[in-house]
C-alpha atoms as a PDB file:
ATOM      1  CA  MET A   1       5.163  -2.325   4.912  1.00  0.00           C
ATOM      2  CA  ASP A   2       2.393  -1.478   7.350  1.00  0.00           C
ATOM      3  CA  ASN A   3      -0.543   0.809   6.616  1.00  0.00           C
ATOM      4  CA  LYS A   4       0.714   3.566   8.921  1.00  0.00           C
ATOM      5  CA  THR A   5       3.967   3.775   6.947  1.00  0.00           C
ATOM      6  CA  ILE A   6       2.098   3.677   3.629  1.00  0.00           C
ATOM      7  CA  LEU A   7      -0.121   6.578   4.700  1.00  0.00           C
ATOM      8  CA  GLU A   8       2.820   8.609   6.028  1.00  0.00           C
ATOM      9  CA  ILE A   9       4.741   8.253   2.766  1.00  0.00           C
ATOM     10  CA  LEU A  10       1.736   8.978   0.556  1.00  0.00           C
ATOM     11  CA  ASN A  11       0.919  12.008   2.704  1.00  0.00           C
ATOM     12  CA  GLU A  12       4.389  13.388   1.898  1.00  0.00           C
ATOM     13  CA  TYR A  13       3.265  13.370  -1.748  1.00  0.00           C
ATOM     14  CA  ASP A  14      -0.108  14.968  -0.893  1.00  0.00           C
ATOM     15  CA  ILE A  15      -1.957  11.754  -1.699  1.00  0.00           C
ATOM     16  CA  GLU A  16      -5.066  11.584   0.459  1.00  0.00           C
ATOM     17  CA  THR A  17      -7.431   9.015   1.875  1.00  0.00           C
ATOM     18  CA  THR A  18     -11.175   9.010   1.278  1.00  0.00           C
ATOM     19  CA  ASN A  19     -14.270   7.459   2.801  1.00  0.00           C
ATOM     20  CA  ASN A  20     -15.951   7.298  -0.611  1.00  0.00           C
ATOM     21  CA  ILE A  21     -15.379   4.048  -2.518  1.00  0.00           C
ATOM     22  CA  ASP A  22     -16.273   5.893  -5.735  1.00  0.00           C
ATOM     23  CA  GLU A  23     -13.173   8.059  -5.275  1.00  0.00           C
ATOM     24  CA  ALA A  24     -10.749   5.319  -4.202  1.00  0.00           C
ATOM     25  CA  ILE A  25      -7.960   3.735  -6.246  1.00  0.00           C
ATOM     26  CA  TYR A  26      -6.499   1.468  -3.535  1.00  0.00           C
ATOM     27  CA  ILE A  27      -7.867  -0.426  -0.572  1.00  0.00           C
ATOM     28  CA  LEU A  28      -5.358  -0.972   2.225  1.00  0.00           C
ATOM     29  CA  THR A  29      -5.305  -4.214   4.195  1.00  0.00           C
ATOM     30  CA  ASP A  30      -7.348  -2.612   6.997  1.00  0.00           C
ATOM     31  CA  GLY A  31      -9.981  -1.282   4.585  1.00  0.00           C
ATOM     32  CA  GLN A  32      -8.762   2.318   4.436  1.00  0.00           C
ATOM     33  CA  LEU A  33      -9.174   3.879   1.005  1.00  0.00           C
ATOM     34  CA  ILE A  34      -6.523   5.794  -0.938  1.00  0.00           C
ATOM     35  CA  SER A  35      -8.086   8.582  -2.966  1.00  0.00           C
ATOM     36  CA  GLY A  36      -7.792   9.035  -6.709  1.00  0.00           C
ATOM     37  CA  MET A  37      -7.944  12.773  -5.914  1.00  0.00           C
ATOM     38  CA  PHE A  38     -11.022  13.600  -7.948  1.00  0.00           C
ATOM     39  CA  ASP A  39     -11.481  17.155  -9.202  1.00  0.00           C
ATOM     40  CA  TYR A  40     -14.760  18.135 -10.847  1.00  0.00           C
ATOM     41  CA  GLY A  41     -15.596  14.459 -11.310  1.00  0.00           C
ATOM     42  CA  SER A  42     -12.290  13.497 -12.945  1.00  0.00           C
ATOM     43  CA  ARG A  43      -9.576  11.440 -11.301  1.00  0.00           C
ATOM     44  CA  THR A  44      -6.275  13.291 -11.026  1.00  0.00           C
ATOM     45  CA  GLN A  45      -4.208  10.497  -9.446  1.00  0.00           C
ATOM     46  CA  ASP A  46      -3.101   7.383 -11.305  1.00  0.00           C
ATOM     47  CA  HIS A  47      -2.471   3.932  -9.800  1.00  0.00           C
ATOM     48  CA  ARG A  48       1.239   4.349 -10.403  1.00  0.00           C
ATOM     49  CA  CYS A  49       1.336   6.918  -7.550  1.00  0.00           C
ATOM     50  CA  ILE A  50       2.008   3.890  -5.327  1.00  0.00           C
ATOM     51  CA  GLU A  51       5.519   3.992  -6.777  1.00  0.00           C
ATOM     52  CA  ALA A  52       6.262   6.711  -4.179  1.00  0.00           C
ATOM     53  CA  LEU A  53       6.453   3.992  -1.513  1.00  0.00           C
ATOM     54  CA  PHE A  54       9.583   2.399  -2.926  1.00  0.00           C
ATOM     55  CA  ASP A  55      13.129   3.526  -3.511  1.00  0.00           C
ATOM     56  CA  ASP A  56      14.349   0.226  -4.943  1.00  0.00           C
ATOM     57  CA  THR A  57      11.850  -0.340  -7.762  1.00  0.00           C
ATOM     58  CA  ASP A  58       9.582   1.563 -10.115  1.00  0.00           C
ATOM     59  CA  ARG A  59       6.741   0.903 -12.518  1.00  0.00           C
ATOM     60  CA  TYR A  60       9.187   0.021 -15.302  1.00  0.00           C
ATOM     61  CA  ASP A  61      10.326  -3.059 -13.373  1.00  0.00           C
ATOM     62  CA  ASN A  62       8.449  -6.048 -14.837  1.00  0.00           C
ATOM     63  CA  GLN A  63       7.943  -7.339 -11.276  1.00  0.00           C
ATOM     64  CA  PHE A  64       6.711  -3.976  -9.955  1.00  0.00           C
ATOM     65  CA  TRP A  65       3.077  -4.921  -9.294  1.00  0.00           C
ATOM     66  CA  ASN A  66       4.103  -8.237  -7.739  1.00  0.00           C
ATOM     67  CA  LYS A  67       6.386  -6.320  -5.369  1.00  0.00           C
ATOM     68  CA  VAL A  68       3.662  -3.789  -4.549  1.00  0.00           C
ATOM     69  CA  VAL A  69       1.202  -6.520  -3.575  1.00  0.00           C
ATOM     70  CA  GLU A  70       3.810  -8.584  -1.734  1.00  0.00           C
ATOM     71  CA  ARG A  71       5.106  -5.636   0.298  1.00  0.00           C
ATOM     72  CA  THR A  72       1.847  -3.778   0.992  1.00  0.00           C
ATOM     73  CA  GLY A  73      -1.126  -6.084   0.433  1.00  0.00           C
ATOM     74  CA  VAL A  74      -3.046  -3.264  -1.270  1.00  0.00           C
ATOM     75  CA  VAL A  75      -5.905  -4.022  -3.611  1.00  0.00           C
ATOM     76  CA  GLN A  76      -6.233  -1.886  -6.737  1.00  0.00           C
ATOM     77  CA  TYR A  77      -9.641  -0.426  -7.505  1.00  0.00           C
ATOM     78  CA  VAL A  78     -10.818   1.254 -10.702  1.00  0.00           C
ATOM     79  CA  PRO A  79     -13.714   3.473  -9.607  1.00  0.00           C
ATOM     80  CA  GLU A  80     -14.761   4.362 -13.142  1.00  0.00           C
ATOM     81  CA  THR A  81     -15.599   0.709 -13.881  1.00  0.00           C
ATOM     82  CA  GLN A  82     -16.116  -0.541 -10.303  1.00  0.00           C
ATOM     83  CA  ILE A  83     -13.552  -3.302 -10.840  1.00  0.00           C
ATOM     84  CA  ILE A  84     -11.132  -4.650  -8.248  1.00  0.00           C
ATOM     85  CA  LEU A  85      -7.791  -5.705  -9.741  1.00  0.00           C
ATOM     86  CA  LEU A  86      -5.940  -8.502  -7.993  1.00  0.00           C
ATOM     87  CA  LYS A  87      -2.485  -9.746  -8.892  1.00  0.00           C
ATOM     88  CA  GLY A  88      -2.167 -13.456  -9.658  1.00  0.00           C
ATOM     89  CA  ASN A  89      -3.093 -15.448  -6.579  1.00  0.00           C
ATOM     90  CA  GLN A  90      -3.608 -12.386  -4.352  1.00  0.00           C
ATOM     91  CA  LYS A  91      -6.238 -12.935  -1.663  1.00  0.00           C
ATOM     92  CA  PRO A  92      -7.995  -9.873  -0.209  1.00  0.00           C
ATOM     93  CA  THR A  93      -7.892  -9.418   3.554  1.00  0.00           C
ATOM     94  CA  GLU A  94     -11.114  -9.697   5.526  1.00  0.00           C
ATOM     95  CA  HIS A  95     -11.473  -5.884   5.533  1.00  0.00           C
ATOM     96  CA  GLN A  96     -10.853  -5.637   1.792  1.00  0.00           C
ATOM     97  CA  GLN A  97     -13.296  -8.468   1.082  1.00  0.00           C
ATOM     98  CA  GLU A  98     -15.971  -6.767   3.205  1.00  0.00           C
ATOM     99  CA  LEU A  99     -15.744  -3.667   0.993  1.00  0.00           C
ATOM    100  CA  ILE A 100     -15.784  -5.771  -2.169  1.00  0.00           C
ATOM    101  CA  ASP A 101     -18.905  -7.582  -0.970  1.00  0.00           C
ATOM    102  CA  GLU A 102     -20.618  -4.487   0.458  1.00  0.00           C
ATOM    103  CA  HIS A 103     -20.319  -2.633  -2.842  1.00  0.00           C
ATOM    104  CA  ASN A 104     -20.842  -5.716  -5.027  1.00  0.00           C
ATOM    105  CA  LEU A 105     -17.618  -5.037  -6.929  1.00  0.00           C
ATOM    106  CA  GLU A 106     -16.431  -7.100  -9.858  1.00  0.00           C
ATOM    107  CA  VAL A 107     -13.025  -8.737  -9.363  1.00  0.00           C
ATOM    108  CA  ASP A 108     -10.519  -9.243 -12.161  1.00  0.00           C
ATOM    109  CA  TYR A 109      -6.956 -10.561 -12.172  1.00  0.00           C
ATOM    110  CA  PHE A 110      -3.949  -9.121 -13.971  1.00  0.00           C
END
């Protein structure tokens, strides 16, 4: 799934992009940031919002996160702890890695 399609679908669910890494919960393959929709300093959007992209799987599928990464290439980000979450042998794209390096983010695998 390309980034344009991802953004179109998320927009249908009022999920926004951001330019602020401290408000992001996903980094797309081209470096665009999906917002955690912060309100008064608290995140209102959970990582499982990505479920909106799929009609053939959901977060209860034990392969859900593998499918998300395989189909979209997104990198999860936890702004509260400044940790990037990668799935298994996931390799960030050049754009994603630039953001990771620029902000000196810790990387963890799940």
